Amino acid sequence: MIMTAERIKLVCRNRKAYFEYTIDDLFEAGLVLKGTEVKSLRMGKANIQDAYARFRDGEIFLLNANISPYPHAALENHEPTRPRKVLLRRRELKRLMGKLTERGYTLIPLKLYFKDEYAKVELGLAKGKKKFDKRETIRQREEQRELERARKRRH
């Protein structure tokens, strides 16, 4: 068995997702993209802040993900927010379908990246946080900052 080192190039990350949702499970999936979308992603021109994934006809599609048009393409450019098919194994699809039928769960893209030469998306099975959960997250973050400041002052 030959072991190769994977090269990962991060395109964009959904930082807001960890504040808005409680992430229960992570899935790595491939994406079906057009050529101009791949070129635009390699330039880092993507935004997944408002994106989510949904089941449609037994397949998962990434909706609202904005991949900017490739500037050097003339007629063959893509629509920036078109639905993109997500590639998962059948076993994972069945598991996700069961989870998503439960009340309150949704699929949120957390990262968009290249793994070797393939475009991948990291999907999180998420449940929306309530207002008091968000306040708790803010309080914990502030406490952590205070601890770091105190640690720096001591050294």
C-alpha atoms as a PDB file:
ATOM      1  CA  MET A   1       0.000   0.000   0.000  1.00  0.00           C
ATOM      2  CA  ILE A   2       1.451   3.333  -1.079  1.00  0.00           C
ATOM      3  CA  MET A   3       0.729   6.278   1.210  1.00  0.00           C
ATOM      4  CA  THR A   4       0.566   9.706  -0.413  1.00  0.00           C
ATOM      5  CA  ALA A   5       0.332  13.023   1.326  1.00  0.00           C
ATOM      6  CA  GLU A   6      -2.904  14.850   0.596  1.00  0.00           C
ATOM      7  CA  ARG A   7      -2.635  18.460  -0.475  1.00  0.00           C
ATOM      8  CA  ILE A   8      -5.494  20.576   0.796  1.00  0.00           C
ATOM      9  CA  LYS A   9      -6.093  24.140  -0.412  1.00  0.00           C
ATOM     10  CA  LEU A  10      -8.864  25.946   1.464  1.00  0.00           C
ATOM     11  CA  VAL A  11     -11.061  28.105  -0.783  1.00  0.00           C
ATOM     12  CA  CYS A  12     -13.536  29.466   1.761  1.00  0.00           C
ATOM     13  CA  ARG A  13     -14.963  28.703   5.184  1.00  0.00           C
ATOM     14  CA  ASN A  14     -18.341  29.391   6.759  1.00  0.00           C
ATOM     15  CA  ARG A  15     -17.303  30.896  10.095  1.00  0.00           C
ATOM     16  CA  LYS A  16     -20.825  32.023  10.936  1.00  0.00           C
ATOM     17  CA  ALA A  17     -22.106  28.424  10.912  1.00  0.00           C
ATOM     18  CA  TYR A  18     -20.435  27.498  14.213  1.00  0.00           C
ATOM     19  CA  PHE A  19     -22.114  30.460  15.902  1.00  0.00           C
ATOM     20  CA  GLU A  20     -25.573  29.951  14.372  1.00  0.00           C
ATOM     21  CA  TYR A  21     -25.716  26.124  14.597  1.00  0.00           C
ATOM     22  CA  THR A  22     -24.688  23.197  16.765  1.00  0.00           C
ATOM     23  CA  ILE A  23     -22.779  20.852  14.450  1.00  0.00           C
ATOM     24  CA  ASP A  24     -23.491  17.190  15.234  1.00  0.00           C
ATOM     25  CA  ASP A  25     -21.796  15.336  12.380  1.00  0.00           C
ATOM     26  CA  LEU A  26     -19.392  16.120   9.511  1.00  0.00           C
ATOM     27  CA  PHE A  27     -19.385  14.756   5.961  1.00  0.00           C
ATOM     28  CA  GLU A  28     -16.820  15.259   3.209  1.00  0.00           C
ATOM     29  CA  ALA A  29     -18.390  15.269  -0.239  1.00  0.00           C
ATOM     30  CA  GLY A  30     -17.422  15.976  -3.820  1.00  0.00           C
ATOM     31  CA  LEU A  31     -19.090  18.575  -6.012  1.00  0.00           C
ATOM     32  CA  VAL A  32     -20.236  18.454  -9.630  1.00  0.00           C
ATOM     33  CA  LEU A  33     -18.855  21.678 -11.141  1.00  0.00           C
ATOM     34  CA  LYS A  34     -18.420  23.279 -14.551  1.00  0.00           C
ATOM     35  CA  GLY A  35     -14.963  24.233 -15.824  1.00  0.00           C
ATOM     36  CA  THR A  36     -15.365  27.950 -15.194  1.00  0.00           C
ATOM     37  CA  GLU A  37     -16.524  27.215 -11.633  1.00  0.00           C
ATOM     38  CA  VAL A  38     -13.351  25.236 -10.949  1.00  0.00           C
ATOM     39  CA  LYS A  39     -11.185  28.059 -12.313  1.00  0.00           C
ATOM     40  CA  SER A  40     -13.061  30.604 -10.228  1.00  0.00           C
ATOM     41  CA  LEU A  41     -12.660  28.427  -7.097  1.00  0.00           C
ATOM     42  CA  ARG A  42      -8.914  28.143  -7.725  1.00  0.00           C
ATOM     43  CA  MET A  43      -8.854  31.960  -7.640  1.00  0.00           C
ATOM     44  CA  GLY A  44     -10.690  31.850  -4.266  1.00  0.00           C
ATOM     45  CA  LYS A  45     -13.867  33.511  -5.553  1.00  0.00           C
ATOM     46  CA  ALA A  46     -16.567  31.749  -3.530  1.00  0.00           C
ATOM     47  CA  ASN A  47     -18.961  32.485  -0.687  1.00  0.00           C
ATOM     48  CA  ILE A  48     -20.901  29.846   1.283  1.00  0.00           C
ATOM     49  CA  GLN A  49     -22.223  32.044   4.109  1.00  0.00           C
ATOM     50  CA  ASP A  50     -25.907  31.691   3.149  1.00  0.00           C
ATOM     51  CA  ALA A  51     -25.623  28.252   1.536  1.00  0.00           C
ATOM     52  CA  TYR A  52     -27.371  25.052   2.599  1.00  0.00           C
ATOM     53  CA  ALA A  53     -27.931  21.572   1.179  1.00  0.00           C
ATOM     54  CA  ARG A  54     -31.262  19.874   0.456  1.00  0.00           C
ATOM     55  CA  PHE A  55     -32.516  16.527  -0.813  1.00  0.00           C
ATOM     56  CA  ARG A  56     -34.090  16.611  -4.266  1.00  0.00           C
ATOM     57  CA  ASP A  57     -35.117  13.368  -6.036  1.00  0.00           C
ATOM     58  CA  GLY A  58     -32.930  11.214  -3.781  1.00  0.00           C
ATOM     59  CA  GLU A  59     -29.830  13.365  -4.340  1.00  0.00           C
ATOM     60  CA  ILE A  60     -28.325  16.223  -2.351  1.00  0.00           C
ATOM     61  CA  PHE A  61     -27.882  19.649  -3.935  1.00  0.00           C
ATOM     62  CA  LEU A  62     -25.921  22.607  -2.580  1.00  0.00           C
ATOM     63  CA  LEU A  63     -28.118  25.700  -2.837  1.00  0.00           C
ATOM     64  CA  ASN A  64     -27.257  29.404  -2.541  1.00  0.00           C
ATOM     65  CA  ALA A  65     -23.489  28.819  -2.753  1.00  0.00           C
ATOM     66  CA  ASN A  66     -22.065  31.775  -4.663  1.00  0.00           C
ATOM     67  CA  ILE A  67     -19.147  31.006  -6.986  1.00  0.00           C
ATOM     68  CA  SER A  68     -18.306  34.205  -8.845  1.00  0.00           C
ATOM     69  CA  PRO A  69     -18.157  34.117 -12.654  1.00  0.00           C
ATOM     70  CA  TYR A  70     -14.702  33.480 -14.092  1.00  0.00           C
ATOM     71  CA  PRO A  71     -13.483  36.842 -15.452  1.00  0.00           C
ATOM     72  CA  HIS A  72     -11.630  35.421 -18.482  1.00  0.00           C
ATOM     73  CA  ALA A  73     -14.553  33.361 -19.820  1.00  0.00           C
ATOM     74  CA  ALA A  74     -16.727  35.003 -22.436  1.00  0.00           C
ATOM     75  CA  LEU A  75     -19.811  32.989 -23.401  1.00  0.00           C
ATOM     76  CA  GLU A  76     -19.254  29.774 -21.453  1.00  0.00           C
ATOM     77  CA  ASN A  77     -19.558  31.300 -17.980  1.00  0.00           C
ATOM     78  CA  HIS A  78     -21.745  29.780 -15.250  1.00  0.00           C
ATOM     79  CA  GLU A  79     -24.607  31.158 -13.183  1.00  0.00           C
ATOM     80  CA  PRO A  80     -23.112  32.170  -9.777  1.00  0.00           C
ATOM     81  CA  THR A  81     -25.769  30.678  -7.463  1.00  0.00           C
ATOM     82  CA  ARG A  82     -26.959  27.654  -9.457  1.00  0.00           C
ATOM     83  CA  PRO A  83     -27.758  24.420  -7.539  1.00  0.00           C
ATOM     84  CA  ARG A  84     -24.733  22.096  -7.492  1.00  0.00           C
ATOM     85  CA  LYS A  85     -24.969  18.342  -7.042  1.00  0.00           C
ATOM     86  CA  VAL A  86     -23.167  16.930  -3.993  1.00  0.00           C
ATOM     87  CA  LEU A  87     -21.512  13.526  -4.358  1.00  0.00           C
ATOM     88  CA  LEU A  88     -21.883  11.177  -1.370  1.00  0.00           C
ATOM     89  CA  ARG A  89     -21.894   7.424  -0.967  1.00  0.00           C
ATOM     90  CA  ARG A  90     -25.294   5.716  -0.966  1.00  0.00           C
ATOM     91  CA  ARG A  91     -24.858   4.620   2.663  1.00  0.00           C
ATOM     92  CA  GLU A  92     -24.172   8.216   3.744  1.00  0.00           C
ATOM     93  CA  LEU A  93     -27.162   9.468   1.720  1.00  0.00           C
ATOM     94  CA  LYS A  94     -29.514   7.050   3.474  1.00  0.00           C
ATOM     95  CA  ARG A  95     -28.135   8.000   6.885  1.00  0.00           C
ATOM     96  CA  LEU A  96     -28.523  11.699   6.100  1.00  0.00           C
ATOM     97  CA  MET A  97     -32.068  11.249   4.803  1.00  0.00           C
ATOM     98  CA  GLY A  98     -33.030   9.661   8.121  1.00  0.00           C
ATOM     99  CA  LYS A  99     -31.408  12.447  10.144  1.00  0.00           C
ATOM    100  CA  LEU A 100     -32.849  15.272   8.033  1.00  0.00           C
ATOM    101  CA  THR A 101     -36.390  14.002   8.503  1.00  0.00           C
ATOM    102  CA  GLU A 102     -35.921  14.593  12.247  1.00  0.00           C
ATOM    103  CA  ARG A 103     -37.181  17.961  13.351  1.00  0.00           C
ATOM    104  CA  GLY A 104     -34.702  20.830  13.327  1.00  0.00           C
ATOM    105  CA  TYR A 105     -31.788  19.298  11.397  1.00  0.00           C
ATOM    106  CA  THR A 106     -30.281  20.905   8.303  1.00  0.00           C
ATOM    107  CA  LEU A 107     -27.158  20.445   6.169  1.00  0.00           C
ATOM    108  CA  ILE A 108     -24.782  23.403   6.213  1.00  0.00           C
ATOM    109  CA  PRO A 109     -21.539  23.709   4.178  1.00  0.00           C
ATOM    110  CA  LEU A 110     -18.649  24.505   6.517  1.00  0.00           C
ATOM    111  CA  LYS A 111     -15.670  24.536   4.147  1.00  0.00           C
ATOM    112  CA  LEU A 112     -15.041  24.550   0.418  1.00  0.00           C
ATOM    113  CA  TYR A 113     -11.594  23.272  -0.539  1.00  0.00           C
ATOM    114  CA  PHE A 114      -9.473  21.333  -3.005  1.00  0.00           C
ATOM    115  CA  LYS A 115      -8.188  17.944  -1.867  1.00  0.00           C
ATOM    116  CA  ASP A 116      -5.435  17.063  -4.337  1.00  0.00           C
ATOM    117  CA  GLU A 117      -7.169  18.160  -7.576  1.00  0.00           C
ATOM    118  CA  TYR A 118     -10.780  17.496  -6.534  1.00  0.00           C
ATOM    119  CA  ALA A 119     -13.188  20.163  -5.274  1.00  0.00           C
ATOM    120  CA  LYS A 120     -14.705  19.092  -1.948  1.00  0.00           C
ATOM    121  CA  VAL A 121     -17.245  20.507   0.456  1.00  0.00           C
ATOM    122  CA  GLU A 122     -17.415  19.713   4.173  1.00  0.00           C
ATOM    123  CA  LEU A 123     -21.057  19.465   5.185  1.00  0.00           C
ATOM    124  CA  GLY A 124     -22.210  19.659   8.774  1.00  0.00           C
ATOM    125  CA  LEU A 125     -25.393  18.084  10.076  1.00  0.00           C
ATOM    126  CA  ALA A 126     -26.578  21.015  12.149  1.00  0.00           C
ATOM    127  CA  LYS A 127     -29.338  22.075  14.470  1.00  0.00           C
ATOM    128  CA  GLY A 128     -30.108  25.786  14.887  1.00  0.00           C
ATOM    129  CA  LYS A 129     -29.109  27.410  18.173  1.00  0.00           C
ATOM    130  CA  LYS A 130     -31.555  29.360  20.278  1.00  0.00           C
ATOM    131  CA  LYS A 131     -30.805  32.905  21.408  1.00  0.00           C
ATOM    132  CA  PHE A 132     -29.651  31.823  24.879  1.00  0.00           C
ATOM    133  CA  ASP A 133     -27.268  29.257  23.310  1.00  0.00           C
ATOM    134  CA  LYS A 134     -25.703  32.029  21.231  1.00  0.00           C
ATOM    135  CA  ARG A 135     -25.265  34.195  24.333  1.00  0.00           C
ATOM    136  CA  GLU A 136     -23.546  31.255  26.048  1.00  0.00           C
ATOM    137  CA  THR A 137     -21.176  30.891  23.079  1.00  0.00           C
ATOM    138  CA  ILE A 138     -20.303  34.600  23.245  1.00  0.00           C
ATOM    139  CA  ARG A 139     -19.694  34.359  27.012  1.00  0.00           C
ATOM    140  CA  GLN A 140     -17.360  31.369  26.587  1.00  0.00           C
ATOM    141  CA  ARG A 141     -15.433  33.146  23.832  1.00  0.00           C
ATOM    142  CA  GLU A 142     -15.002  36.258  26.019  1.00  0.00           C
ATOM    143  CA  GLU A 143     -13.769  34.148  28.956  1.00  0.00           C
ATOM    144  CA  GLN A 144     -11.251  32.434  26.687  1.00  0.00           C
ATOM    145  CA  ARG A 145      -9.958  35.820  25.482  1.00  0.00           C
ATOM    146  CA  GLU A 146      -9.557  37.006  29.071  1.00  0.00           C
ATOM    147  CA  LEU A 147      -7.588  33.874  29.970  1.00  0.00           C
ATOM    148  CA  GLU A 148      -5.299  34.411  26.972  1.00  0.00           C
ATOM    149  CA  ARG A 149      -4.718  38.060  27.929  1.00  0.00           C
ATOM    150  CA  ALA A 150      -3.906  37.095  31.523  1.00  0.00           C
ATOM    151  CA  ARG A 151      -1.519  34.387  30.311  1.00  0.00           C
ATOM    152  CA  LYS A 152       0.277  36.897  28.042  1.00  0.00           C
ATOM    153  CA  ARG A 153       0.616  39.420  30.886  1.00  0.00           C
ATOM    154  CA  ARG A 154       2.256  36.825  33.134  1.00  0.00           C
ATOM    155  CA  HIS A 155       4.891  36.006  30.542  1.00  0.00           C
END
